[in-house]
N, C-alpha and C. Protein backbone atom coordinates (compact mmCIF):
# COMPACT_ATOMS: atom_id res chain seq x y z
N MET A 1 33.26 -12.33 7.35
CA MET A 1 31.80 -12.34 7.47
C MET A 1 31.31 -10.92 7.75
N SER A 2 30.36 -10.49 6.98
CA SER A 2 29.92 -9.11 7.07
C SER A 2 28.46 -9.00 7.53
N VAL A 3 28.15 -7.85 8.08
CA VAL A 3 26.79 -7.54 8.52
C VAL A 3 26.33 -6.29 7.79
N PHE A 4 25.19 -6.39 7.12
CA PHE A 4 24.59 -5.25 6.45
C PHE A 4 23.35 -4.83 7.24
N LEU A 5 23.28 -3.56 7.55
CA LEU A 5 22.16 -3.04 8.33
C LEU A 5 21.04 -2.62 7.39
N ALA A 6 19.86 -3.21 7.58
CA ALA A 6 18.70 -2.86 6.76
C ALA A 6 18.00 -1.67 7.40
N SER A 7 18.43 -0.49 7.03
CA SER A 7 17.87 0.73 7.63
C SER A 7 18.28 1.94 6.81
N ALA A 8 17.42 2.96 6.85
CA ALA A 8 17.77 4.26 6.25
C ALA A 8 17.83 5.32 7.33
N ALA A 9 17.67 4.92 8.60
CA ALA A 9 17.73 5.84 9.72
C ALA A 9 19.20 6.19 10.00
N LEU A 10 19.55 7.44 9.83
CA LEU A 10 20.95 7.84 9.92
C LEU A 10 21.55 7.58 11.30
N ASP A 11 20.77 7.79 12.35
CA ASP A 11 21.29 7.55 13.71
C ASP A 11 21.64 6.08 13.90
N ALA A 12 20.76 5.18 13.43
CA ALA A 12 21.00 3.75 13.56
C ALA A 12 22.21 3.33 12.74
N ILE A 13 22.33 3.87 11.54
CA ILE A 13 23.46 3.55 10.68
C ILE A 13 24.77 4.03 11.30
N ARG A 14 24.76 5.27 11.79
CA ARG A 14 25.96 5.83 12.40
C ARG A 14 26.39 5.00 13.61
N TRP A 15 25.43 4.60 14.44
CA TRP A 15 25.73 3.77 15.61
C TRP A 15 26.35 2.44 15.21
N ALA A 16 25.73 1.76 14.24
CA ALA A 16 26.19 0.43 13.85
C ALA A 16 27.55 0.47 13.17
N VAL A 17 27.77 1.45 12.31
CA VAL A 17 29.03 1.53 11.57
C VAL A 17 30.16 2.04 12.47
N ASP A 18 29.89 3.08 13.24
CA ASP A 18 30.92 3.63 14.12
C ASP A 18 31.34 2.63 15.19
N SER A 19 30.41 1.75 15.58
CA SER A 19 30.72 0.72 16.58
C SER A 19 31.38 -0.50 15.94
N HIS A 20 31.55 -0.47 14.63
CA HIS A 20 32.13 -1.59 13.88
C HIS A 20 31.27 -2.85 13.99
N LEU A 21 29.98 -2.66 14.18
CA LEU A 21 29.06 -3.79 14.22
C LEU A 21 28.51 -4.09 12.83
N ALA A 22 28.47 -3.10 11.95
CA ALA A 22 27.96 -3.28 10.60
C ALA A 22 29.03 -2.91 9.59
N ASP A 23 29.04 -3.66 8.48
CA ASP A 23 30.03 -3.45 7.43
C ASP A 23 29.42 -2.83 6.19
N GLY A 24 28.10 -2.65 6.20
CA GLY A 24 27.42 -2.10 5.05
C GLY A 24 25.99 -1.76 5.39
N VAL A 25 25.29 -1.16 4.43
CA VAL A 25 23.90 -0.76 4.60
C VAL A 25 23.09 -1.35 3.45
N PHE A 26 21.88 -1.76 3.76
CA PHE A 26 21.00 -2.38 2.77
C PHE A 26 19.66 -1.66 2.84
N VAL A 27 19.23 -1.05 1.72
CA VAL A 27 17.96 -0.32 1.73
C VAL A 27 17.08 -0.78 0.58
N THR A 28 15.81 -0.92 0.87
CA THR A 28 14.79 -1.25 -0.12
C THR A 28 13.91 -0.02 -0.32
N PRO A 29 13.06 0.00 -1.35
CA PRO A 29 12.14 1.12 -1.50
C PRO A 29 11.28 1.34 -0.27
N ALA A 30 10.84 0.24 0.36
CA ALA A 30 10.01 0.36 1.56
C ALA A 30 10.78 0.98 2.71
N ILE A 31 12.04 0.60 2.88
CA ILE A 31 12.87 1.16 3.95
C ILE A 31 13.10 2.64 3.71
N LEU A 32 13.40 3.01 2.48
CA LEU A 32 13.61 4.42 2.17
C LEU A 32 12.34 5.22 2.39
N ASP A 33 11.19 4.63 2.05
CA ASP A 33 9.92 5.32 2.21
C ASP A 33 9.60 5.55 3.68
N THR A 34 9.97 4.59 4.53
CA THR A 34 9.69 4.70 5.97
C THR A 34 10.37 5.92 6.58
N ASP A 35 11.60 6.18 6.15
CA ASP A 35 12.38 7.29 6.71
C ASP A 35 12.51 8.45 5.73
N ALA A 36 11.57 8.58 4.81
CA ALA A 36 11.70 9.58 3.75
C ALA A 36 11.59 11.01 4.25
N PHE A 37 10.51 11.33 4.98
CA PHE A 37 10.27 12.69 5.47
C PHE A 37 10.34 13.71 4.33
N GLY A 38 9.79 13.31 3.16
CA GLY A 38 9.76 14.22 2.03
C GLY A 38 11.03 14.29 1.21
N VAL A 39 12.02 13.47 1.55
CA VAL A 39 13.30 13.49 0.84
C VAL A 39 13.28 12.43 -0.26
N ALA A 40 13.78 12.78 -1.43
CA ALA A 40 13.82 11.85 -2.55
C ALA A 40 14.76 10.68 -2.25
N PRO A 41 14.48 9.49 -2.80
CA PRO A 41 15.30 8.32 -2.51
C PRO A 41 16.79 8.53 -2.77
N ALA A 42 17.14 9.12 -3.91
CA ALA A 42 18.56 9.32 -4.22
C ALA A 42 19.23 10.24 -3.19
N ALA A 43 18.50 11.24 -2.73
CA ALA A 43 19.03 12.15 -1.72
C ALA A 43 19.22 11.43 -0.39
N GLN A 44 18.30 10.52 -0.07
CA GLN A 44 18.45 9.72 1.15
C GLN A 44 19.71 8.85 1.07
N VAL A 45 19.89 8.22 -0.08
CA VAL A 45 21.07 7.37 -0.26
C VAL A 45 22.35 8.21 -0.14
N GLU A 46 22.32 9.41 -0.68
CA GLU A 46 23.49 10.29 -0.56
C GLU A 46 23.77 10.62 0.91
N SER A 47 22.72 10.86 1.70
CA SER A 47 22.90 11.14 3.12
C SER A 47 23.52 9.94 3.84
N ILE A 48 23.10 8.75 3.46
CA ILE A 48 23.66 7.54 4.07
C ILE A 48 25.14 7.43 3.76
N THR A 49 25.54 7.70 2.52
CA THR A 49 26.95 7.59 2.16
C THR A 49 27.81 8.63 2.87
N ARG A 50 27.18 9.72 3.27
CA ARG A 50 27.93 10.76 3.99
C ARG A 50 28.24 10.37 5.42
N VAL A 51 27.36 9.58 6.05
CA VAL A 51 27.58 9.21 7.45
C VAL A 51 28.26 7.86 7.59
N ALA A 52 28.33 7.10 6.49
CA ALA A 52 28.91 5.76 6.58
C ALA A 52 29.75 5.47 5.34
N ASP A 53 31.04 5.29 5.52
CA ASP A 53 31.95 5.00 4.42
C ASP A 53 32.02 3.48 4.23
N VAL A 54 30.88 2.90 3.84
CA VAL A 54 30.76 1.46 3.66
C VAL A 54 29.90 1.20 2.42
N PRO A 55 29.91 -0.02 1.89
CA PRO A 55 29.04 -0.32 0.76
C PRO A 55 27.56 -0.11 1.13
N VAL A 56 26.81 0.48 0.22
CA VAL A 56 25.38 0.69 0.41
C VAL A 56 24.64 -0.02 -0.72
N LEU A 57 23.96 -1.11 -0.40
CA LEU A 57 23.19 -1.84 -1.39
C LEU A 57 21.80 -1.21 -1.48
N VAL A 58 21.45 -0.74 -2.66
CA VAL A 58 20.18 -0.06 -2.87
C VAL A 58 19.32 -0.90 -3.80
N VAL A 59 18.20 -1.41 -3.29
CA VAL A 59 17.29 -2.20 -4.10
C VAL A 59 16.47 -1.25 -4.98
N VAL A 60 16.50 -1.49 -6.27
CA VAL A 60 15.80 -0.62 -7.22
C VAL A 60 14.33 -1.05 -7.31
N GLY A 61 13.43 -0.10 -7.12
CA GLY A 61 12.00 -0.40 -7.12
C GLY A 61 11.36 -0.24 -8.48
N ALA A 62 11.72 -1.12 -9.41
CA ALA A 62 11.15 -1.09 -10.75
C ALA A 62 11.11 -2.51 -11.28
N VAL A 63 10.45 -2.70 -12.43
CA VAL A 63 10.32 -4.03 -13.01
C VAL A 63 10.84 -4.07 -14.44
N ALA A 64 10.47 -3.10 -15.25
CA ALA A 64 10.89 -3.06 -16.65
C ALA A 64 12.38 -2.75 -16.76
N ALA A 65 13.03 -3.33 -17.77
CA ALA A 65 14.48 -3.19 -17.91
C ALA A 65 14.93 -1.74 -18.02
N ASP A 66 14.22 -0.95 -18.83
CA ASP A 66 14.60 0.46 -19.00
C ASP A 66 14.46 1.24 -17.70
N ASP A 67 13.38 0.98 -16.95
CA ASP A 67 13.17 1.66 -15.68
C ASP A 67 14.23 1.24 -14.66
N LEU A 68 14.53 -0.04 -14.64
CA LEU A 68 15.55 -0.55 -13.73
C LEU A 68 16.90 0.11 -14.01
N ARG A 69 17.23 0.18 -15.28
CA ARG A 69 18.53 0.75 -15.65
C ARG A 69 18.58 2.24 -15.33
N ALA A 70 17.49 2.95 -15.61
CA ALA A 70 17.48 4.40 -15.36
C ALA A 70 17.59 4.70 -13.86
N GLN A 71 16.79 4.01 -13.05
CA GLN A 71 16.83 4.26 -11.61
C GLN A 71 18.17 3.83 -11.02
N ALA A 72 18.66 2.68 -11.48
CA ALA A 72 19.94 2.19 -10.97
C ALA A 72 21.07 3.16 -11.30
N THR A 73 21.04 3.71 -12.50
CA THR A 73 22.06 4.67 -12.90
C THR A 73 22.02 5.91 -12.01
N GLU A 74 20.80 6.36 -11.68
CA GLU A 74 20.66 7.52 -10.80
C GLU A 74 21.28 7.26 -9.43
N PHE A 75 21.01 6.08 -8.87
CA PHE A 75 21.57 5.73 -7.57
C PHE A 75 23.09 5.58 -7.65
N ALA A 76 23.57 4.96 -8.71
CA ALA A 76 25.00 4.70 -8.84
C ALA A 76 25.80 5.99 -8.92
N LYS A 77 25.21 7.05 -9.44
CA LYS A 77 25.89 8.33 -9.56
C LYS A 77 26.14 8.98 -8.20
N VAL A 78 25.41 8.54 -7.18
CA VAL A 78 25.51 9.16 -5.85
C VAL A 78 26.90 8.95 -5.26
N SER A 79 27.42 7.73 -5.36
CA SER A 79 28.69 7.42 -4.72
C SER A 79 29.25 6.11 -5.27
N GLU A 80 30.58 5.98 -5.21
CA GLU A 80 31.21 4.73 -5.62
C GLU A 80 30.88 3.60 -4.65
N GLU A 81 30.40 3.94 -3.46
CA GLU A 81 30.05 2.94 -2.47
C GLU A 81 28.69 2.29 -2.75
N VAL A 82 27.92 2.87 -3.64
CA VAL A 82 26.59 2.34 -3.93
C VAL A 82 26.68 1.11 -4.83
N VAL A 83 25.96 0.06 -4.43
CA VAL A 83 25.78 -1.13 -5.24
C VAL A 83 24.29 -1.23 -5.52
N VAL A 84 23.90 -1.23 -6.79
CA VAL A 84 22.48 -1.27 -7.12
C VAL A 84 22.02 -2.73 -7.18
N ALA A 85 20.92 -3.02 -6.50
CA ALA A 85 20.40 -4.38 -6.42
C ALA A 85 19.15 -4.51 -7.27
N LEU A 86 19.19 -5.47 -8.20
CA LEU A 86 18.11 -5.66 -9.16
C LEU A 86 17.52 -7.06 -9.03
N PRO A 87 16.23 -7.21 -9.33
CA PRO A 87 15.60 -8.54 -9.22
C PRO A 87 16.13 -9.49 -10.29
N PHE A 88 16.33 -10.75 -9.90
CA PHE A 88 16.83 -11.74 -10.85
C PHE A 88 15.66 -12.29 -11.66
N VAL A 89 15.19 -11.46 -12.59
CA VAL A 89 14.17 -11.82 -13.57
C VAL A 89 14.72 -11.37 -14.93
N GLU A 90 14.03 -11.71 -16.01
CA GLU A 90 14.59 -11.44 -17.33
C GLU A 90 14.94 -9.96 -17.53
N ASP A 91 14.01 -9.07 -17.20
CA ASP A 91 14.30 -7.64 -17.36
C ASP A 91 15.43 -7.21 -16.43
N GLY A 92 15.45 -7.77 -15.24
CA GLY A 92 16.52 -7.45 -14.31
C GLY A 92 17.87 -7.91 -14.82
N ILE A 93 17.90 -9.09 -15.43
CA ILE A 93 19.15 -9.62 -15.99
C ILE A 93 19.66 -8.71 -17.11
N ALA A 94 18.74 -8.26 -17.96
CA ALA A 94 19.14 -7.36 -19.05
C ALA A 94 19.74 -6.07 -18.50
N ALA A 95 19.11 -5.54 -17.45
CA ALA A 95 19.61 -4.30 -16.85
C ALA A 95 20.95 -4.54 -16.16
N MET A 96 21.08 -5.67 -15.45
CA MET A 96 22.33 -5.99 -14.77
C MET A 96 23.48 -6.11 -15.76
N THR A 97 23.24 -6.78 -16.86
CA THR A 97 24.28 -6.96 -17.87
C THR A 97 24.76 -5.62 -18.41
N ALA A 98 23.81 -4.74 -18.72
CA ALA A 98 24.17 -3.43 -19.26
C ALA A 98 24.90 -2.58 -18.22
N LEU A 99 24.41 -2.59 -17.00
CA LEU A 99 25.01 -1.78 -15.94
C LEU A 99 26.41 -2.27 -15.59
N ALA A 100 26.54 -3.59 -15.42
CA ALA A 100 27.85 -4.16 -15.09
C ALA A 100 28.85 -3.89 -16.21
N GLY A 101 28.37 -3.93 -17.45
CA GLY A 101 29.23 -3.65 -18.59
C GLY A 101 29.72 -2.22 -18.63
N SER A 102 28.97 -1.31 -18.00
CA SER A 102 29.38 0.10 -17.97
C SER A 102 30.13 0.46 -16.69
N GLY A 103 30.43 -0.54 -15.87
CA GLY A 103 31.24 -0.30 -14.68
C GLY A 103 30.46 -0.08 -13.40
N VAL A 104 29.14 -0.23 -13.43
CA VAL A 104 28.32 -0.07 -12.23
C VAL A 104 28.30 -1.39 -11.46
N ARG A 105 28.51 -1.32 -10.16
CA ARG A 105 28.44 -2.53 -9.35
C ARG A 105 26.99 -2.91 -9.11
N VAL A 106 26.67 -4.19 -9.34
CA VAL A 106 25.29 -4.64 -9.22
C VAL A 106 25.19 -5.85 -8.30
N ALA A 107 24.01 -5.99 -7.72
CA ALA A 107 23.68 -7.15 -6.90
C ALA A 107 22.37 -7.75 -7.41
N ALA A 108 22.14 -9.01 -7.12
CA ALA A 108 20.91 -9.68 -7.54
C ALA A 108 20.06 -10.01 -6.34
N THR A 109 18.79 -9.62 -6.40
CA THR A 109 17.84 -9.94 -5.34
C THR A 109 16.86 -11.00 -5.83
N PHE A 110 16.06 -11.53 -4.89
CA PHE A 110 15.07 -12.56 -5.21
C PHE A 110 15.72 -13.82 -5.77
N VAL A 111 16.94 -14.09 -5.34
CA VAL A 111 17.64 -15.32 -5.73
C VAL A 111 17.22 -16.42 -4.75
N VAL A 112 16.74 -17.55 -5.29
CA VAL A 112 16.22 -18.60 -4.41
C VAL A 112 16.86 -19.97 -4.65
N THR A 113 17.73 -20.10 -5.64
CA THR A 113 18.40 -21.38 -5.88
C THR A 113 19.88 -21.13 -6.14
N PRO A 114 20.72 -22.14 -5.88
CA PRO A 114 22.14 -22.00 -6.19
C PRO A 114 22.39 -21.75 -7.67
N ALA A 115 21.59 -22.37 -8.55
CA ALA A 115 21.77 -22.17 -9.99
C ALA A 115 21.50 -20.72 -10.37
N GLN A 116 20.45 -20.12 -9.78
CA GLN A 116 20.19 -18.70 -10.04
C GLN A 116 21.36 -17.85 -9.55
N ALA A 117 21.89 -18.18 -8.39
CA ALA A 117 23.02 -17.42 -7.84
C ALA A 117 24.21 -17.49 -8.79
N MET A 118 24.49 -18.67 -9.34
CA MET A 118 25.60 -18.83 -10.27
C MET A 118 25.40 -17.99 -11.53
N LEU A 119 24.17 -18.00 -12.05
CA LEU A 119 23.88 -17.22 -13.26
C LEU A 119 23.96 -15.72 -12.98
N ALA A 120 23.50 -15.31 -11.80
CA ALA A 120 23.58 -13.89 -11.43
C ALA A 120 25.03 -13.43 -11.39
N ALA A 121 25.91 -14.26 -10.85
CA ALA A 121 27.33 -13.92 -10.81
C ALA A 121 27.90 -13.84 -12.22
N LYS A 122 27.43 -14.72 -13.11
CA LYS A 122 27.93 -14.73 -14.49
C LYS A 122 27.60 -13.43 -15.23
N VAL A 123 26.46 -12.82 -14.89
CA VAL A 123 26.08 -11.59 -15.59
C VAL A 123 26.63 -10.35 -14.89
N GLY A 124 27.42 -10.55 -13.82
CA GLY A 124 28.13 -9.42 -13.23
C GLY A 124 27.80 -9.06 -11.81
N ALA A 125 26.91 -9.79 -11.15
CA ALA A 125 26.55 -9.46 -9.77
C ALA A 125 27.75 -9.67 -8.84
N VAL A 126 27.97 -8.71 -7.95
CA VAL A 126 29.03 -8.85 -6.95
C VAL A 126 28.46 -9.34 -5.62
N TYR A 127 27.15 -9.28 -5.50
CA TYR A 127 26.43 -9.86 -4.35
C TYR A 127 25.19 -10.58 -4.89
N VAL A 128 24.86 -11.70 -4.27
CA VAL A 128 23.55 -12.32 -4.49
C VAL A 128 22.85 -12.33 -3.14
N CYS A 129 21.61 -11.88 -3.12
CA CYS A 129 20.85 -11.74 -1.87
C CYS A 129 19.80 -12.83 -1.81
N ILE A 130 19.93 -13.70 -0.81
CA ILE A 130 19.02 -14.83 -0.65
C ILE A 130 18.11 -14.57 0.55
N ALA A 131 16.80 -14.55 0.28
CA ALA A 131 15.82 -14.29 1.34
C ALA A 131 15.51 -15.59 2.07
N THR A 132 16.18 -15.81 3.17
CA THR A 132 16.03 -17.08 3.88
C THR A 132 14.63 -17.27 4.44
N ASP A 133 14.00 -16.19 4.90
CA ASP A 133 12.65 -16.31 5.48
C ASP A 133 11.64 -16.75 4.43
N ALA A 134 11.75 -16.20 3.22
CA ALA A 134 10.83 -16.57 2.15
C ALA A 134 11.00 -18.04 1.79
N LEU A 135 12.23 -18.51 1.75
CA LEU A 135 12.47 -19.92 1.44
C LEU A 135 11.87 -20.82 2.51
N ASP A 136 12.12 -20.50 3.77
CA ASP A 136 11.58 -21.31 4.86
C ASP A 136 10.06 -21.30 4.86
N ALA A 137 9.47 -20.15 4.55
CA ALA A 137 8.01 -20.04 4.55
C ALA A 137 7.36 -20.90 3.48
N HIS A 138 8.11 -21.20 2.41
CA HIS A 138 7.56 -22.02 1.33
C HIS A 138 8.09 -23.45 1.35
N GLY A 139 8.55 -23.87 2.52
CA GLY A 139 8.92 -25.26 2.71
C GLY A 139 10.31 -25.65 2.26
N HIS A 140 11.16 -24.67 1.96
CA HIS A 140 12.54 -24.95 1.55
C HIS A 140 13.48 -24.67 2.72
N ASP A 141 14.52 -25.47 2.82
CA ASP A 141 15.51 -25.26 3.88
C ASP A 141 16.53 -24.24 3.38
N ALA A 142 16.47 -23.04 3.90
CA ALA A 142 17.36 -21.97 3.45
C ALA A 142 18.82 -22.31 3.69
N ARG A 143 19.09 -23.08 4.74
CA ARG A 143 20.47 -23.45 5.03
C ARG A 143 21.06 -24.31 3.92
N VAL A 144 20.23 -25.18 3.35
CA VAL A 144 20.69 -26.02 2.24
C VAL A 144 21.01 -25.15 1.02
N VAL A 145 20.14 -24.19 0.73
CA VAL A 145 20.38 -23.29 -0.40
C VAL A 145 21.68 -22.52 -0.21
N LEU A 146 21.90 -22.01 0.99
CA LEU A 146 23.14 -21.27 1.27
C LEU A 146 24.36 -22.18 1.16
N ARG A 147 24.24 -23.37 1.72
CA ARG A 147 25.36 -24.31 1.71
C ARG A 147 25.72 -24.72 0.28
N GLU A 148 24.71 -25.01 -0.53
CA GLU A 148 24.97 -25.44 -1.90
C GLU A 148 25.47 -24.28 -2.77
N THR A 149 24.98 -23.09 -2.50
CA THR A 149 25.47 -21.92 -3.23
C THR A 149 26.94 -21.69 -2.93
N ARG A 150 27.30 -21.78 -1.66
CA ARG A 150 28.71 -21.62 -1.28
C ARG A 150 29.57 -22.68 -1.93
N ALA A 151 29.10 -23.94 -1.93
CA ALA A 151 29.87 -25.03 -2.55
C ALA A 151 30.04 -24.79 -4.05
N LEU A 152 28.98 -24.33 -4.69
CA LEU A 152 29.03 -24.06 -6.13
C LEU A 152 30.01 -22.93 -6.44
N PHE A 153 29.96 -21.86 -5.64
CA PHE A 153 30.86 -20.73 -5.85
C PHE A 153 32.31 -21.14 -5.61
N ASP A 154 32.55 -21.91 -4.55
CA ASP A 154 33.91 -22.34 -4.25
C ASP A 154 34.46 -23.24 -5.35
N ARG A 155 33.63 -24.14 -5.83
CA ARG A 155 34.09 -25.07 -6.87
C ARG A 155 34.41 -24.33 -8.16
N GLY A 156 33.61 -23.33 -8.50
CA GLY A 156 33.83 -22.60 -9.73
C GLY A 156 34.74 -21.40 -9.60
N GLY A 157 35.22 -21.14 -8.39
CA GLY A 157 36.07 -19.98 -8.17
C GLY A 157 35.34 -18.68 -8.45
N ILE A 158 34.06 -18.65 -8.13
CA ILE A 158 33.22 -17.48 -8.41
C ILE A 158 33.41 -16.42 -7.34
N GLU A 159 33.81 -15.23 -7.76
CA GLU A 159 34.03 -14.13 -6.81
C GLU A 159 32.75 -13.30 -6.71
N CYS A 160 31.87 -13.72 -5.84
CA CYS A 160 30.59 -13.04 -5.61
C CYS A 160 30.15 -13.38 -4.20
N ASP A 161 29.81 -12.37 -3.42
CA ASP A 161 29.42 -12.60 -2.03
C ASP A 161 27.96 -13.03 -1.93
N VAL A 162 27.73 -13.95 -1.01
CA VAL A 162 26.38 -14.45 -0.74
C VAL A 162 25.85 -13.77 0.51
N LEU A 163 24.77 -13.01 0.36
CA LEU A 163 24.16 -12.34 1.51
C LEU A 163 22.84 -13.02 1.84
N ALA A 164 22.64 -13.30 3.12
CA ALA A 164 21.40 -13.90 3.59
C ALA A 164 20.55 -12.84 4.28
N ASN A 165 19.35 -12.61 3.78
CA ASN A 165 18.42 -11.69 4.45
C ASN A 165 17.71 -12.47 5.54
N VAL A 166 17.94 -12.10 6.78
CA VAL A 166 17.33 -12.81 7.90
C VAL A 166 16.54 -11.83 8.77
N SER A 167 15.45 -12.32 9.34
CA SER A 167 14.66 -11.47 10.24
C SER A 167 14.65 -12.03 11.65
N GLY A 168 15.20 -13.22 11.82
CA GLY A 168 15.27 -13.80 13.16
C GLY A 168 16.39 -13.18 13.97
N GLY A 169 16.66 -13.79 15.09
CA GLY A 169 17.68 -13.26 15.99
C GLY A 169 19.03 -13.92 15.81
N SER A 170 19.72 -14.09 16.91
CA SER A 170 21.08 -14.60 16.91
C SER A 170 21.19 -15.96 16.25
N LEU A 171 20.22 -16.84 16.51
CA LEU A 171 20.27 -18.19 15.95
C LEU A 171 20.19 -18.16 14.43
N SER A 172 19.29 -17.35 13.89
CA SER A 172 19.15 -17.25 12.43
C SER A 172 20.41 -16.72 11.78
N VAL A 173 21.01 -15.73 12.41
CA VAL A 173 22.26 -15.16 11.90
C VAL A 173 23.37 -16.20 11.90
N THR A 174 23.50 -16.91 13.02
CA THR A 174 24.54 -17.93 13.15
C THR A 174 24.34 -19.04 12.14
N GLU A 175 23.11 -19.50 11.98
CA GLU A 175 22.83 -20.58 11.03
C GLU A 175 23.17 -20.17 9.61
N ALA A 176 22.82 -18.95 9.24
CA ALA A 176 23.10 -18.47 7.88
C ALA A 176 24.60 -18.41 7.61
N LEU A 177 25.35 -17.90 8.57
CA LEU A 177 26.80 -17.78 8.38
C LEU A 177 27.48 -19.14 8.38
N LEU A 178 27.03 -20.04 9.25
CA LEU A 178 27.61 -21.38 9.27
C LEU A 178 27.27 -22.16 8.01
N ALA A 179 26.14 -21.82 7.39
CA ALA A 179 25.74 -22.51 6.17
C ALA A 179 26.52 -22.04 4.95
N GLY A 180 27.26 -20.94 5.10
CA GLY A 180 28.11 -20.51 4.00
C GLY A 180 27.90 -19.09 3.52
N ALA A 181 26.98 -18.35 4.12
CA ALA A 181 26.78 -16.96 3.71
C ALA A 181 28.02 -16.14 4.05
N ASP A 182 28.37 -15.22 3.12
CA ASP A 182 29.47 -14.31 3.40
C ASP A 182 29.04 -13.19 4.34
N GLY A 183 27.74 -12.93 4.36
CA GLY A 183 27.23 -11.87 5.21
C GLY A 183 25.74 -12.02 5.42
N VAL A 184 25.22 -11.24 6.35
CA VAL A 184 23.79 -11.26 6.65
C VAL A 184 23.25 -9.84 6.59
N VAL A 185 21.98 -9.74 6.25
CA VAL A 185 21.26 -8.47 6.26
C VAL A 185 20.29 -8.52 7.41
N VAL A 186 20.44 -7.60 8.37
CA VAL A 186 19.59 -7.61 9.56
C VAL A 186 19.08 -6.20 9.82
N SER A 187 17.95 -6.12 10.50
CA SER A 187 17.40 -4.82 10.90
C SER A 187 18.17 -4.28 12.09
N ALA A 188 17.98 -3.00 12.36
CA ALA A 188 18.62 -2.38 13.53
C ALA A 188 18.11 -3.03 14.81
N GLU A 189 16.82 -3.38 14.83
CA GLU A 189 16.24 -4.03 16.00
C GLU A 189 16.90 -5.37 16.26
N THR A 190 17.11 -6.15 15.19
CA THR A 190 17.75 -7.45 15.35
C THR A 190 19.18 -7.29 15.83
N LEU A 191 19.91 -6.35 15.26
CA LEU A 191 21.30 -6.14 15.67
C LEU A 191 21.39 -5.74 17.13
N ARG A 192 20.50 -4.84 17.57
CA ARG A 192 20.51 -4.44 18.98
C ARG A 192 20.12 -5.59 19.89
N ALA A 193 19.19 -6.43 19.43
CA ALA A 193 18.76 -7.57 20.24
C ALA A 193 19.90 -8.58 20.42
N ILE A 194 20.72 -8.73 19.39
CA ILE A 194 21.87 -9.63 19.51
C ILE A 194 22.88 -9.07 20.50
N VAL A 195 23.11 -7.76 20.43
CA VAL A 195 24.07 -7.13 21.34
C VAL A 195 23.56 -7.16 22.78
N GLN A 196 22.28 -6.84 22.95
CA GLN A 196 21.72 -6.70 24.29
C GLN A 196 20.96 -7.96 24.69
N HIS A 197 21.67 -9.07 24.80
CA HIS A 197 21.04 -10.34 25.17
C HIS A 197 20.66 -10.31 26.65
N PRO A 198 19.48 -10.82 27.02
CA PRO A 198 19.06 -10.77 28.42
C PRO A 198 19.99 -11.53 29.36
N LEU A 199 20.63 -12.60 28.90
CA LEU A 199 21.56 -13.33 29.76
C LEU A 199 22.82 -12.51 30.01
N THR A 200 23.23 -11.74 29.01
CA THR A 200 24.37 -10.84 29.20
C THR A 200 24.03 -9.80 30.25
N ASP A 201 22.81 -9.24 30.16
CA ASP A 201 22.37 -8.25 31.15
C ASP A 201 22.32 -8.86 32.55
N ARG A 202 21.86 -10.12 32.64
CA ARG A 202 21.76 -10.76 33.96
C ARG A 202 23.14 -10.98 34.56
N GLU A 203 24.09 -11.41 33.72
CA GLU A 203 25.45 -11.62 34.21
C GLU A 203 26.06 -10.30 34.67
N LEU A 204 25.79 -9.23 33.92
CA LEU A 204 26.30 -7.92 34.30
C LEU A 204 25.72 -7.47 35.63
N ASP A 205 24.40 -7.65 35.79
CA ASP A 205 23.76 -7.27 37.05
C ASP A 205 24.34 -8.06 38.23
N GLN A 206 24.61 -9.35 37.99
CA GLN A 206 25.18 -10.17 39.06
C GLN A 206 26.57 -9.69 39.43
N MET A 207 27.38 -9.35 38.42
CA MET A 207 28.72 -8.87 38.69
C MET A 207 28.69 -7.55 39.47
N LEU A 208 27.78 -6.63 39.07
CA LEU A 208 27.67 -5.36 39.76
C LEU A 208 27.21 -5.56 41.20
N GLY A 209 26.31 -6.54 41.39
CA GLY A 209 25.86 -6.85 42.75
C GLY A 209 26.99 -7.37 43.61
N ASP A 210 27.82 -8.24 43.04
CA ASP A 210 28.97 -8.78 43.79
C ASP A 210 29.94 -7.67 44.16
N VAL A 211 30.19 -6.76 43.20
CA VAL A 211 31.10 -5.64 43.46
C VAL A 211 30.54 -4.75 44.57
N SER A 212 29.23 -4.52 44.53
CA SER A 212 28.61 -3.67 45.53
C SER A 212 28.70 -4.29 46.92
N ARG A 213 28.48 -5.60 47.01
CA ARG A 213 28.55 -6.28 48.30
C ARG A 213 29.96 -6.26 48.86
N ARG A 214 30.94 -6.45 48.01
CA ARG A 214 32.33 -6.44 48.49
C ARG A 214 32.72 -5.06 49.00
N SER A 215 32.22 -4.02 48.34
CA SER A 215 32.58 -2.66 48.74
C SER A 215 31.97 -2.29 50.07
N ARG A 216 30.90 -3.01 50.51
CA ARG A 216 30.26 -2.70 51.80
C ARG A 216 30.83 -3.51 52.96
N ARG A 217 31.77 -4.41 52.67
CA ARG A 217 32.34 -5.21 53.74
C ARG A 217 33.21 -4.34 54.66
N PRO A 218 33.26 -4.65 55.97
CA PRO A 218 34.07 -3.88 56.91
C PRO A 218 35.54 -3.90 56.51
N GLY A 219 36.18 -2.79 56.67
CA GLY A 219 37.60 -2.69 56.36
C GLY A 219 37.90 -2.38 54.94
N ARG A 220 36.86 -2.21 54.14
CA ARG A 220 37.08 -1.88 52.72
C ARG A 220 36.71 -0.44 52.46
């Protein structure tokens, strides 16, 4: 089970990867824009690959097949660790097919059904990204989608990882993984919140208090 950090902030990425809390990085055009500081997207991705020797999923911000292929090719040239993520729409499928055929690793985004996930894998996707929050917001049970996708992949022997994009906390992450996701995409804030649980802090404070009281006892 893997954790992908949704961030382009190098300090956050270095912390998560060096601590072995994250197994990869996931960036969208919006995430890259947030931490751009005048740096071009491809240069940002290159900086990420320098601080983290892990897969970096880069969502391509285009719609037309030619634009998707051109931008994806630019990102793929940065590093072998880069996986270009394209929308699962007709133009995206055309670009994925061409890119996968030329040896570029691709992922499919905006996948919302197990059937779409199966088709994305057929055209060469090594990851399918399922937005659990979007599904839940539109009245669909994301856990069912993840569970059925996993069952479909297992039955067909499909070698493609299922990533769940989650914005909730520990419970959302646990539910996604138990439902069959191979990994989750979480923000740095979510990852830190899972690590720094208030009950963990309370137990630590209690232990330190007990240690302090014992050290003040006579004869110690």
